[in-house]
Amino acid sequence: MVSYMAYDEDLAERIRAELGGQPGVTEQKMFGGLAFLIGGNMAVAASGEGGLLVRADPDKSEKLMASGKAKPMEMRGRQMHGWLRVDADAVRTKRELARWVKEGTTYARSLPAKGKKTTKRK
């Protein structure tokens, strides 16, 4: 069983600084951490298990994992294609963090924005 801790607030602050006021970014607690979303799509998150969760282009996932810095995110024992877990050791420097934040934000911006559903009145 995975034990969850509070997400790393320093890492969350570093992600915030890296995003530097980019348009359309929102924050939401999810997956036991703090996620940064673009157009309603998760880009990157400070994970409650430590390190980052990164939403990446599924077609690039294998190549990103080959670097040894990322592994597939698992949820309920299933690997989530296009979702990567990056250990805290792999994002110690600004440059390392910037790489993963860019990976997540680039992919999230390529997805259709999730709009709030509205109901039509009769």
Protein backbone atom coordinates (compact mmCIF):
# COMPACT_ATOMS: atom_id res chain seq x y z
CA MET A 1 0.00 0.00 0.00
CA VAL A 2 1.31 3.45 -0.91
CA SER A 3 1.52 5.92 1.92
CA TYR A 4 0.74 9.49 1.01
CA MET A 5 2.34 12.53 2.54
CA ALA A 6 1.66 16.18 2.05
CA TYR A 7 3.10 17.33 -1.25
CA ASP A 8 6.41 19.20 -1.24
CA GLU A 9 5.39 22.85 -0.91
CA ASP A 10 8.86 24.04 -1.90
CA LEU A 11 8.60 22.03 -5.12
CA ALA A 12 5.13 23.47 -5.75
CA GLU A 13 6.55 26.97 -5.31
CA ARG A 14 9.38 26.17 -7.74
CA ILE A 15 6.84 24.93 -10.29
CA ARG A 16 4.82 28.14 -9.79
CA ALA A 17 7.96 30.21 -10.42
CA GLU A 18 8.79 28.15 -13.51
CA LEU A 19 5.31 28.74 -14.92
CA GLY A 20 5.91 32.46 -14.36
CA GLY A 21 2.45 33.81 -15.01
CA GLN A 22 1.74 31.79 -18.15
CA PRO A 23 -1.86 32.34 -19.27
CA GLY A 24 -4.56 29.85 -18.44
CA VAL A 25 -2.74 28.12 -15.56
CA THR A 26 -4.80 27.04 -12.57
CA GLU A 27 -3.97 24.98 -9.50
CA GLN A 28 -6.00 22.15 -8.06
CA LYS A 29 -5.36 19.57 -5.36
CA MET A 30 -5.50 16.13 -6.95
CA PHE A 31 -3.70 12.77 -6.83
CA GLY A 32 -2.63 13.60 -3.27
CA GLY A 33 -0.66 16.59 -4.49
CA LEU A 34 -0.99 19.99 -6.11
CA ALA A 35 -1.62 19.94 -9.85
CA PHE A 36 -1.02 22.76 -12.30
CA LEU A 37 -3.54 22.71 -15.11
CA ILE A 38 -3.70 24.49 -18.45
CA GLY A 39 -7.12 24.81 -19.98
CA GLY A 40 -8.36 22.30 -17.42
CA ASN A 41 -5.77 19.68 -18.43
CA MET A 42 -3.14 18.64 -15.90
CA ALA A 43 0.36 19.57 -17.04
CA VAL A 44 2.47 18.83 -13.97
CA ALA A 45 1.94 18.23 -10.26
CA ALA A 46 3.91 18.24 -7.03
CA SER A 47 3.06 14.70 -5.98
CA GLY A 48 1.96 13.57 -2.54
CA GLU A 49 4.33 10.63 -3.06
CA GLY A 50 7.26 12.99 -3.67
CA GLY A 51 8.64 14.30 -6.92
CA LEU A 52 6.54 15.24 -9.94
CA LEU A 53 3.72 13.86 -11.97
CA VAL A 54 4.02 14.95 -15.59
CA ARG A 55 1.43 14.67 -18.32
CA ALA A 56 3.40 13.88 -21.45
CA ASP A 57 2.67 13.09 -25.06
CA PRO A 58 1.98 9.32 -24.99
CA ASP A 59 4.01 8.95 -28.20
CA LYS A 60 7.07 10.37 -26.39
CA SER A 61 6.62 8.51 -23.09
CA GLU A 62 8.95 5.60 -23.91
CA LYS A 63 11.73 7.96 -24.97
CA LEU A 64 11.29 10.08 -21.82
CA MET A 65 11.40 6.99 -19.62
CA ALA A 66 14.53 5.73 -21.40
CA SER A 67 16.43 8.62 -19.78
CA GLY A 68 16.03 6.80 -16.47
CA LYS A 69 14.58 9.95 -14.88
CA ALA A 70 10.91 9.01 -15.27
CA LYS A 71 8.72 5.96 -14.90
CA PRO A 72 5.07 5.34 -15.68
CA MET A 73 2.57 6.65 -13.18
CA GLU A 74 0.53 3.87 -11.64
CA MET A 75 -3.00 4.22 -10.35
CA ARG A 76 -4.68 1.30 -8.62
CA GLY A 77 -1.94 -0.99 -9.95
CA ARG A 78 -2.36 0.10 -13.57
CA GLN A 79 0.18 2.06 -15.56
CA MET A 80 -1.29 5.26 -16.95
CA HIS A 81 -0.07 5.77 -20.52
CA GLY A 82 1.20 9.32 -21.02
CA TRP A 83 1.46 10.04 -17.29
CA LEU A 84 4.95 9.98 -15.80
CA ARG A 85 6.37 10.01 -12.30
CA VAL A 86 9.67 11.86 -11.92
CA ASP A 87 11.60 11.34 -8.69
CA ALA A 88 12.52 14.36 -6.58
CA ASP A 89 16.22 13.63 -7.21
CA ALA A 90 15.65 14.25 -10.93
CA VAL A 91 14.31 17.80 -10.40
CA ARG A 92 16.82 19.22 -7.95
CA THR A 93 18.09 21.93 -10.28
CA LYS A 94 16.17 24.69 -12.00
CA ARG A 95 17.22 23.28 -15.37
CA GLU A 96 15.97 19.76 -14.55
CA LEU A 97 12.65 21.07 -13.27
CA ALA A 98 12.25 23.39 -16.27
CA ARG A 99 12.63 20.45 -18.65
CA TRP A 100 9.78 18.50 -17.06
CA VAL A 101 7.51 21.52 -16.58
CA LYS A 102 7.99 22.38 -20.26
CA GLU A 103 7.22 18.78 -21.26
CA GLY A 104 3.96 18.85 -19.31
CA THR A 105 2.85 22.33 -20.31
CA THR A 106 3.61 21.76 -23.99
CA TYR A 107 1.46 18.66 -24.04
CA ALA A 108 -1.35 20.17 -21.96
CA ARG A 109 -1.51 23.15 -24.34
CA SER A 110 -1.88 20.76 -27.28
CA LEU A 111 -5.09 19.31 -25.81
CA PRO A 112 -8.54 20.81 -26.24
CA ALA A 113 -9.46 23.00 -23.29
CA LYS A 114 -11.94 21.47 -20.90
CA GLY A 115 -14.83 23.86 -20.58
CA LYS A 116 -17.29 24.00 -17.76
CA LYS A 117 -20.37 22.11 -18.72
CA THR A 118 -23.46 24.20 -18.90
CA THR A 119 -27.01 23.03 -18.98
CA LYS A 120 -29.46 24.52 -21.38
CA ARG A 121 -32.57 25.98 -19.89
CA LYS A 122 -35.86 25.20 -21.52
